[in-house]
PDB file of N, CA and C in Angstrom:
ATOM      1  N   MET A   1      15.166  -2.843 -15.894  1.00  0.00           N
ATOM      2  CA  MET A   1      14.705  -3.989 -16.664  1.00  0.00           C
ATOM      3  C   MET A   1      13.238  -4.306 -16.338  1.00  0.00           C
ATOM      4  N   LEU A   2      12.912  -4.343 -15.069  1.00  0.00           N
ATOM      5  CA  LEU A   2      11.542  -4.633 -14.670  1.00  0.00           C
ATOM      6  C   LEU A   2      10.606  -3.497 -15.058  1.00  0.00           C
ATOM      7  N   ARG A   3      11.144  -2.277 -15.069  1.00  0.00           N
ATOM      8  CA  ARG A   3      10.344  -1.113 -15.424  1.00  0.00           C
ATOM      9  C   ARG A   3       9.836  -1.186 -16.857  1.00  0.00           C
ATOM     10  N   ASP A   4      10.552  -1.901 -17.712  1.00  0.00           N
ATOM     11  CA  ASP A   4      10.154  -2.020 -19.112  1.00  0.00           C
ATOM     12  C   ASP A   4       8.892  -2.854 -19.296  1.00  0.00           C
ATOM     13  N   TYR A   5       8.554  -3.676 -18.322  1.00  0.00           N
ATOM     14  CA  TYR A   5       7.424  -4.577 -18.486  1.00  0.00           C
ATOM     15  C   TYR A   5       6.241  -4.234 -17.595  1.00  0.00           C
ATOM     16  N   ILE A   6       6.282  -3.089 -16.929  1.00  0.00           N
ATOM     17  CA  ILE A   6       5.143  -2.675 -16.115  1.00  0.00           C
ATOM     18  C   ILE A   6       3.994  -2.223 -17.008  1.00  0.00           C
ATOM     19  N   SER A   7       4.294  -1.460 -18.050  1.00  0.00           N
ATOM     20  CA  SER A   7       3.244  -0.956 -18.946  1.00  0.00           C
ATOM     21  C   SER A   7       2.480  -2.067 -19.663  1.00  0.00           C
ATOM     22  N   PRO A   8       3.151  -3.064 -20.252  1.00  0.00           N
ATOM     23  CA  PRO A   8       2.345  -4.119 -20.898  1.00  0.00           C
ATOM     24  C   PRO A   8       1.569  -4.964 -19.904  1.00  0.00           C
ATOM     25  N   ALA A   9       2.106  -5.128 -18.697  1.00  0.00           N
ATOM     26  CA  ALA A   9       1.360  -5.878 -17.682  1.00  0.00           C
ATOM     27  C   ALA A   9       0.116  -5.106 -17.262  1.00  0.00           C
ATOM     28  N   LEU A  10       0.256  -3.797 -17.086  1.00  0.00           N
ATOM     29  CA  LEU A  10      -0.894  -2.973 -16.734  1.00  0.00           C
ATOM     30  C   LEU A  10      -1.910  -2.937 -17.876  1.00  0.00           C
ATOM     31  N   ALA A  11      -1.432  -2.897 -19.112  1.00  0.00           N
ATOM     32  CA  ALA A  11      -2.337  -2.919 -20.263  1.00  0.00           C
ATOM     33  C   ALA A  11      -3.108  -4.239 -20.317  1.00  0.00           C
ATOM     34  N   THR A  12      -2.440  -5.334 -20.012  1.00  0.00           N
ATOM     35  CA  THR A  12      -3.107  -6.639 -19.995  1.00  0.00           C
ATOM     36  C   THR A  12      -4.169  -6.691 -18.904  1.00  0.00           C
ATOM     37  N   VAL A  13      -3.861  -6.116 -17.748  1.00  0.00           N
ATOM     38  CA  VAL A  13      -4.839  -6.070 -16.658  1.00  0.00           C
ATOM     39  C   VAL A  13      -6.047  -5.222 -17.060  1.00  0.00           C
ATOM     40  N   LEU A  14      -5.808  -4.090 -17.718  1.00  0.00           N
ATOM     41  CA  LEU A  14      -6.919  -3.251 -18.158  1.00  0.00           C
ATOM     42  C   LEU A  14      -7.794  -3.959 -19.193  1.00  0.00           C
ATOM     43  N   ILE A  15      -7.176  -4.690 -20.103  1.00  0.00           N
ATOM     44  CA  ILE A  15      -7.944  -5.417 -21.118  1.00  0.00           C
ATOM     45  C   ILE A  15      -8.765  -6.534 -20.471  1.00  0.00           C
ATOM     46  N   ALA A  16      -8.168  -7.235 -19.499  1.00  0.00           N
ATOM     47  CA  ALA A  16      -8.910  -8.276 -18.784  1.00  0.00           C
ATOM     48  C   ALA A  16     -10.058  -7.664 -17.979  1.00  0.00           C
ATOM     49  N   PHE A  17      -9.819  -6.507 -17.368  1.00  0.00           N
ATOM     50  CA  PHE A  17     -10.848  -5.800 -16.616  1.00  0.00           C
ATOM     51  C   PHE A  17     -11.995  -5.396 -17.534  1.00  0.00           C
ATOM     52  N   SER A  18     -11.670  -4.955 -18.751  1.00  0.00           N
ATOM     53  CA  SER A  18     -12.721  -4.569 -19.692  1.00  0.00           C
ATOM     54  C   SER A  18     -13.548  -5.774 -20.124  1.00  0.00           C
ATOM     55  N   LEU A  19     -12.896  -6.916 -20.322  1.00  0.00           N
ATOM     56  CA  LEU A  19     -13.645  -8.124 -20.686  1.00  0.00           C
ATOM     57  C   LEU A  19     -14.592  -8.534 -19.560  1.00  0.00           C
ATOM     58  N   TYR A  20     -14.148  -8.358 -18.317  1.00  0.00           N
ATOM     59  CA  TYR A  20     -15.012  -8.656 -17.175  1.00  0.00           C
ATOM     60  C   TYR A  20     -16.227  -7.736 -17.177  1.00  0.00           C
ATOM     61  N   PHE A  21     -16.025  -6.445 -17.452  1.00  0.00           N
ATOM     62  CA  PHE A  21     -17.143  -5.526 -17.459  1.00  0.00           C
ATOM     63  C   PHE A  21     -18.082  -5.793 -18.635  1.00  0.00           C
ATOM     64  N   PHE A  22     -17.557  -6.247 -19.770  1.00  0.00           N
ATOM     65  CA  PHE A  22     -18.439  -6.648 -20.863  1.00  0.00           C
ATOM     66  C   PHE A  22     -19.311  -7.830 -20.450  1.00  0.00           C
ATOM     67  N   TYR A  23     -18.706  -8.775 -19.738  1.00  0.00           N
ATOM     68  CA  TYR A  23     -19.460  -9.929 -19.230  1.00  0.00           C
ATOM     69  C   TYR A  23     -20.553  -9.482 -18.255  1.00  0.00           C
ATOM     70  N   VAL A  24     -20.208  -8.577 -17.342  1.00  0.00           N
ATOM     71  CA  VAL A  24     -21.190  -8.056 -16.389  1.00  0.00           C
ATOM     72  C   VAL A  24     -22.305  -7.317 -17.120  1.00  0.00           C
ATOM     73  N   GLY A  25     -21.941  -6.550 -18.149  1.00  0.00           N
ATOM     74  CA  GLY A  25     -22.949  -5.828 -18.921  1.00  0.00           C
ATOM     75  C   GLY A  25     -23.917  -6.766 -19.609  1.00  0.00           C
ATOM     76  N   ILE A  26     -23.403  -7.856 -20.164  1.00  0.00           N
ATOM     77  CA  ILE A  26     -24.278  -8.835 -20.827  1.00  0.00           C
ATOM     78  C   ILE A  26     -25.178  -9.522 -19.807  1.00  0.00           C
ATOM     79  N   ALA A  27     -24.624  -9.845 -18.642  1.00  0.00           N
ATOM     80  CA  ALA A  27     -25.437 -10.475 -17.599  1.00  0.00           C
ATOM     81  C   ALA A  27     -26.539  -9.526 -17.125  1.00  0.00           C
ATOM     82  N   LEU A  28     -26.233  -8.252 -17.020  1.00  0.00           N
ATOM     83  CA  LEU A  28     -27.254  -7.285 -16.602  1.00  0.00           C
ATOM     84  C   LEU A  28     -28.294  -7.070 -17.699  1.00  0.00           C
ATOM     85  N   MET A  29     -27.892  -7.197 -18.970  1.00  0.00           N
ATOM     86  CA  MET A  29     -28.859  -7.077 -20.060  1.00  0.00           C
ATOM     87  C   MET A  29     -29.866  -8.225 -20.010  1.00  0.00           C
ATOM     88  N   MET A  30     -29.390  -9.413 -19.645  1.00  0.00           N
ATOM     89  CA  MET A  30     -30.291 -10.562 -19.544  1.00  0.00           C
ATOM     90  C   MET A  30     -31.275 -10.388 -18.389  1.00  0.00           C
ATOM     91  N   ALA A  31     -30.843  -9.662 -17.360  1.00  0.00           N
ATOM     92  CA  ALA A  31     -31.720  -9.406 -16.223  1.00  0.00           C
ATOM     93  C   ALA A  31     -32.609  -8.186 -16.467  1.00  0.00           C
ATOM     94  N   LYS A  32     -32.520  -7.613 -17.666  1.00  0.00           N
ATOM     95  CA  LYS A  32     -33.312  -6.449 -18.082  1.00  0.00           C
ATOM     96  C   LYS A  32     -33.067  -5.231 -17.194  1.00  0.00           C
ATOM     97  N   ASP A  33     -31.833  -5.054 -16.784  1.00  0.00           N
ATOM     98  CA  ASP A  33     -31.429  -3.877 -16.018  1.00  0.00           C
ATOM     99  C   ASP A  33     -30.642  -2.982 -16.971  1.00  0.00           C
ATOM    100  N   VAL A  34     -31.338  -2.107 -17.662  1.00  0.00           N
ATOM    101  CA  VAL A  34     -30.796  -1.387 -18.806  1.00  0.00           C
ATOM    102  C   VAL A  34     -29.729  -0.380 -18.420  1.00  0.00           C
ATOM    103  N   ALA A  35     -30.010   0.463 -17.448  1.00  0.00           N
ATOM    104  CA  ALA A  35     -29.064   1.527 -17.099  1.00  0.00           C
ATOM    105  C   ALA A  35     -27.748   0.961 -16.581  1.00  0.00           C
ATOM    106  N   SER A  36     -27.824  -0.036 -15.737  1.00  0.00           N
ATOM    107  CA  SER A  36     -26.603  -0.634 -15.191  1.00  0.00           C
ATOM    108  C   SER A  36     -25.805  -1.362 -16.265  1.00  0.00           C
ATOM    109  N   SER A  37     -26.510  -2.016 -17.183  1.00  0.00           N
ATOM    110  CA  SER A  37     -25.798  -2.737 -18.238  1.00  0.00           C
ATOM    111  C   SER A  37     -25.101  -1.774 -19.181  1.00  0.00           C
ATOM    112  N   LEU A  38     -25.749  -0.642 -19.499  1.00  0.00           N
ATOM    113  CA  LEU A  38     -25.107   0.341 -20.363  1.00  0.00           C
ATOM    114  C   LEU A  38     -23.891   0.963 -19.687  1.00  0.00           C
ATOM    115  N   LEU A  39     -23.980   1.209 -18.383  1.00  0.00           N
ATOM    116  CA  LEU A  39     -22.846   1.750 -17.649  1.00  0.00           C
ATOM    117  C   LEU A  39     -21.693   0.749 -17.615  1.00  0.00           C
ATOM    118  N   ALA A  40     -21.995  -0.536 -17.415  1.00  0.00           N
ATOM    119  CA  ALA A  40     -20.945  -1.555 -17.390  1.00  0.00           C
ATOM    120  C   ALA A  40     -20.273  -1.681 -18.755  1.00  0.00           C
ATOM    121  N   VAL A  41     -21.053  -1.635 -19.818  1.00  0.00           N
ATOM    122  CA  VAL A  41     -20.480  -1.719 -21.159  1.00  0.00           C
ATOM    123  C   VAL A  41     -19.643  -0.477 -21.461  1.00  0.00           C
ATOM    124  N   LEU A  42     -20.096   0.684 -21.013  1.00  0.00           N
ATOM    125  CA  LEU A  42     -19.327   1.915 -21.202  1.00  0.00           C
ATOM    126  C   LEU A  42     -17.996   1.849 -20.465  1.00  0.00           C
ATOM    127  N   ILE A  43     -18.015   1.358 -19.235  1.00  0.00           N
ATOM    128  CA  ILE A  43     -16.762   1.188 -18.489  1.00  0.00           C
ATOM    129  C   ILE A  43     -15.865   0.188 -19.205  1.00  0.00           C
ATOM    130  N   GLY A  44     -16.448  -0.861 -19.763  1.00  0.00           N
ATOM    131  CA  GLY A  44     -15.674  -1.837 -20.519  1.00  0.00           C
ATOM    132  C   GLY A  44     -14.996  -1.221 -21.732  1.00  0.00           C
ATOM    133  N   PHE A  45     -15.714  -0.383 -22.466  1.00  0.00           N
ATOM    134  CA  PHE A  45     -15.118   0.269 -23.634  1.00  0.00           C
ATOM    135  C   PHE A  45     -14.013   1.241 -23.242  1.00  0.00           C
ATOM    136  N   VAL A  46     -14.213   1.974 -22.167  1.00  0.00           N
ATOM    137  CA  VAL A  46     -13.199   2.937 -21.728  1.00  0.00           C
ATOM    138  C   VAL A  46     -11.927   2.224 -21.287  1.00  0.00           C
ATOM    139  N   THR A  47     -12.066   1.162 -20.502  1.00  0.00           N
ATOM    140  CA  THR A  47     -10.871   0.439 -20.064  1.00  0.00           C
ATOM    141  C   THR A  47     -10.203  -0.295 -21.215  1.00  0.00           C
ATOM    142  N   LEU A  48     -10.985  -0.783 -22.176  1.00  0.00           N
ATOM    143  CA  LEU A  48     -10.392  -1.412 -23.351  1.00  0.00           C
ATOM    144  C   LEU A  48      -9.594  -0.402 -24.156  1.00  0.00           C
ATOM    145  N   GLY A  49     -10.161   0.776 -24.348  1.00  0.00           N
ATOM    146  CA  GLY A  49      -9.440   1.831 -25.064  1.00  0.00           C
ATOM    147  C   GLY A  49      -8.172   2.247 -24.339  1.00  0.00           C
ATOM    148  N   GLY A  50      -8.247   2.349 -23.022  1.00  0.00           N
ATOM    149  CA  GLY A  50      -7.061   2.700 -22.240  1.00  0.00           C
ATOM    150  C   GLY A  50      -5.979   1.636 -22.307  1.00  0.00           C
ATOM    151  N   GLY A  51      -6.377   0.376 -22.231  1.00  0.00           N
ATOM    152  CA  GLY A  51      -5.407  -0.712 -22.314  1.00  0.00           C
ATOM    153  C   GLY A  51      -4.733  -0.788 -23.671  1.00  0.00           C
ATOM    154  N   ILE A  52      -5.509  -0.621 -24.728  1.00  0.00           N
ATOM    155  CA  ILE A  52      -4.949  -0.673 -26.083  1.00  0.00           C
ATOM    156  C   ILE A  52      -4.034   0.529 -26.325  1.00  0.00           C
ATOM    157  N   THR A  53      -4.437   1.704 -25.848  1.00  0.00           N
ATOM    158  CA  THR A  53      -3.603   2.897 -26.016  1.00  0.00           C
ATOM    159  C   THR A  53      -2.292   2.756 -25.254  1.00  0.00           C
ATOM    160  N   LEU A  54      -2.361   2.231 -24.044  1.00  0.00           N
ATOM    161  CA  LEU A  54      -1.143   2.023 -23.255  1.00  0.00           C
ATOM    162  C   LEU A  54      -0.223   1.014 -23.925  1.00  0.00           C
ATOM    163  N   LEU A  55      -0.776  -0.061 -24.444  1.00  0.00           N
ATOM    164  CA  LEU A  55       0.029  -1.064 -25.133  1.00  0.00           C
ATOM    165  C   LEU A  55       0.641  -0.509 -26.414  1.00  0.00           C
ATOM    166  N   ARG A  56      -0.118   0.289 -27.148  1.00  0.00           N
ATOM    167  CA  ARG A  56       0.387   0.878 -28.384  1.00  0.00           C
ATOM    168  C   ARG A  56       1.500   1.882 -28.108  1.00  0.00           C
ATOM    169  N   SER A  57       1.329   2.718 -27.088  1.00  0.00           N
ATOM    170  CA  SER A  57       2.377   3.695 -26.775  1.00  0.00           C
ATOM    171  C   SER A  57       3.629   3.010 -26.243  1.00  0.00           C
ATOM    172  N   TRP A  58       3.474   1.919 -25.484  1.00  0.00           N
ATOM    173  CA  TRP A  58       4.633   1.165 -25.009  1.00  0.00           C
ATOM    174  C   TRP A  58       5.386   0.559 -26.197  1.00  0.00           C
ATOM    175  N   THR A  59       4.649   0.030 -27.175  1.00  0.00           N
ATOM    176  CA  THR A  59       5.276  -0.568 -28.349  1.00  0.00           C
ATOM    177  C   THR A  59       6.041   0.482 -29.158  1.00  0.00           C
ATOM    178  N   LEU A  60       5.434   1.650 -29.343  1.00  0.00           N
ATOM    179  CA  LEU A  60       6.119   2.709 -30.082  1.00  0.00           C
ATOM    180  C   LEU A  60       7.358   3.211 -29.341  1.00  0.00           C
ATOM    181  N   ALA A  61       7.265   3.365 -28.036  1.00  0.00           N
ATOM    182  CA  ALA A  61       8.419   3.812 -27.257  1.00  0.00           C
ATOM    183  C   ALA A  61       9.530   2.777 -27.285  1.00  0.00           C
ATOM    184  N   ARG A  62       9.159   1.529 -27.220  1.00  0.00           N
ATOM    185  CA  ARG A  62      10.165   0.444 -27.266  1.00  0.00           C
ATOM    186  C   ARG A  62      10.855   0.414 -28.635  1.00  0.00           C
ATOM    187  N   ALA A  63      10.083   0.568 -29.701  1.00  0.00           N
ATOM    188  CA  ALA A  63      10.669   0.587 -31.041  1.00  0.00           C
ATOM    189  C   ALA A  63      11.592   1.785 -31.212  1.00  0.00           C
ATOM    190  N   TYR A  64      11.220   2.930 -30.647  1.00  0.00           N
ATOM    191  CA  TYR A  64      12.053   4.122 -30.747  1.00  0.00           C
ATOM    192  C   TYR A  64      13.366   3.952 -29.987  1.00  0.00           C
ATOM    193  N   THR A  65      13.327   3.352 -28.802  1.00  0.00           N
ATOM    194  CA  THR A  65      14.566   3.149 -28.055  1.00  0.00           C
ATOM    195  C   THR A  65      15.472   2.127 -28.726  1.00  0.00           C
ATOM    196  N   ILE A  66      14.893   1.113 -29.332  1.00  0.00           N
ATOM    197  CA  ILE A  66      15.710   0.140 -30.066  1.00  0.00           C
ATOM    198  C   ILE A  66      16.353   0.798 -31.270  1.00  0.00           C
ATOM    199  N   LYS A  67      15.614   1.659 -31.962  1.00  0.00           N
ATOM    200  CA  LYS A  67      16.164   2.369 -33.108  1.00  0.00           C
ATOM    201  C   LYS A  67      17.286   3.295 -32.680  1.00  0.00           C
ATOM    202  N   GLU A  68      17.128   3.969 -31.536  1.00  0.00           N
ATOM    203  CA  GLU A  68      18.187   4.863 -31.039  1.00  0.00           C
ATOM    204  C   GLU A  68      19.445   4.080 -30.674  1.00  0.00           C
ATOM    205  N   LYS A  69      19.290   2.897 -30.134  1.00  0.00           N
ATOM    206  CA  LYS A  69      20.446   2.081 -29.750  1.00  0.00           C
ATOM    207  C   LYS A  69      21.217   1.603 -30.988  1.00  0.00           C
ATOM    208  N   ARG A  70      20.512   1.385 -32.082  1.00  0.00           N
ATOM    209  CA  ARG A  70      21.177   0.899 -33.293  1.00  0.00           C
ATOM    210  C   ARG A  70      21.993   2.004 -33.955  1.00  0.00           C
ATOM    211  N   GLU A  71      21.577   3.255 -33.773  1.00  0.00           N
ATOM    212  CA  GLU A  71      22.273   4.370 -34.438  1.00  0.00           C
ATOM    213  C   GLU A  71      23.432   4.864 -33.633  1.00  0.00           C
TER     214      GLU A  71
END
């Protein structure tokens, strides 16, 4: 039962982590530190993509198991 909710919790953590890195990237842009800000924004995009992909695959797997139980 608990195993079913590890993936969405991890996806939520990844999305929150990406928002933090977007914030850091914007703060570094204001300080005119270009390379560091681009790296922070890139890390933000990668973690956002990972979190969304994990959440999407969890949703599809959950829908598939519910469909199997109904049949």
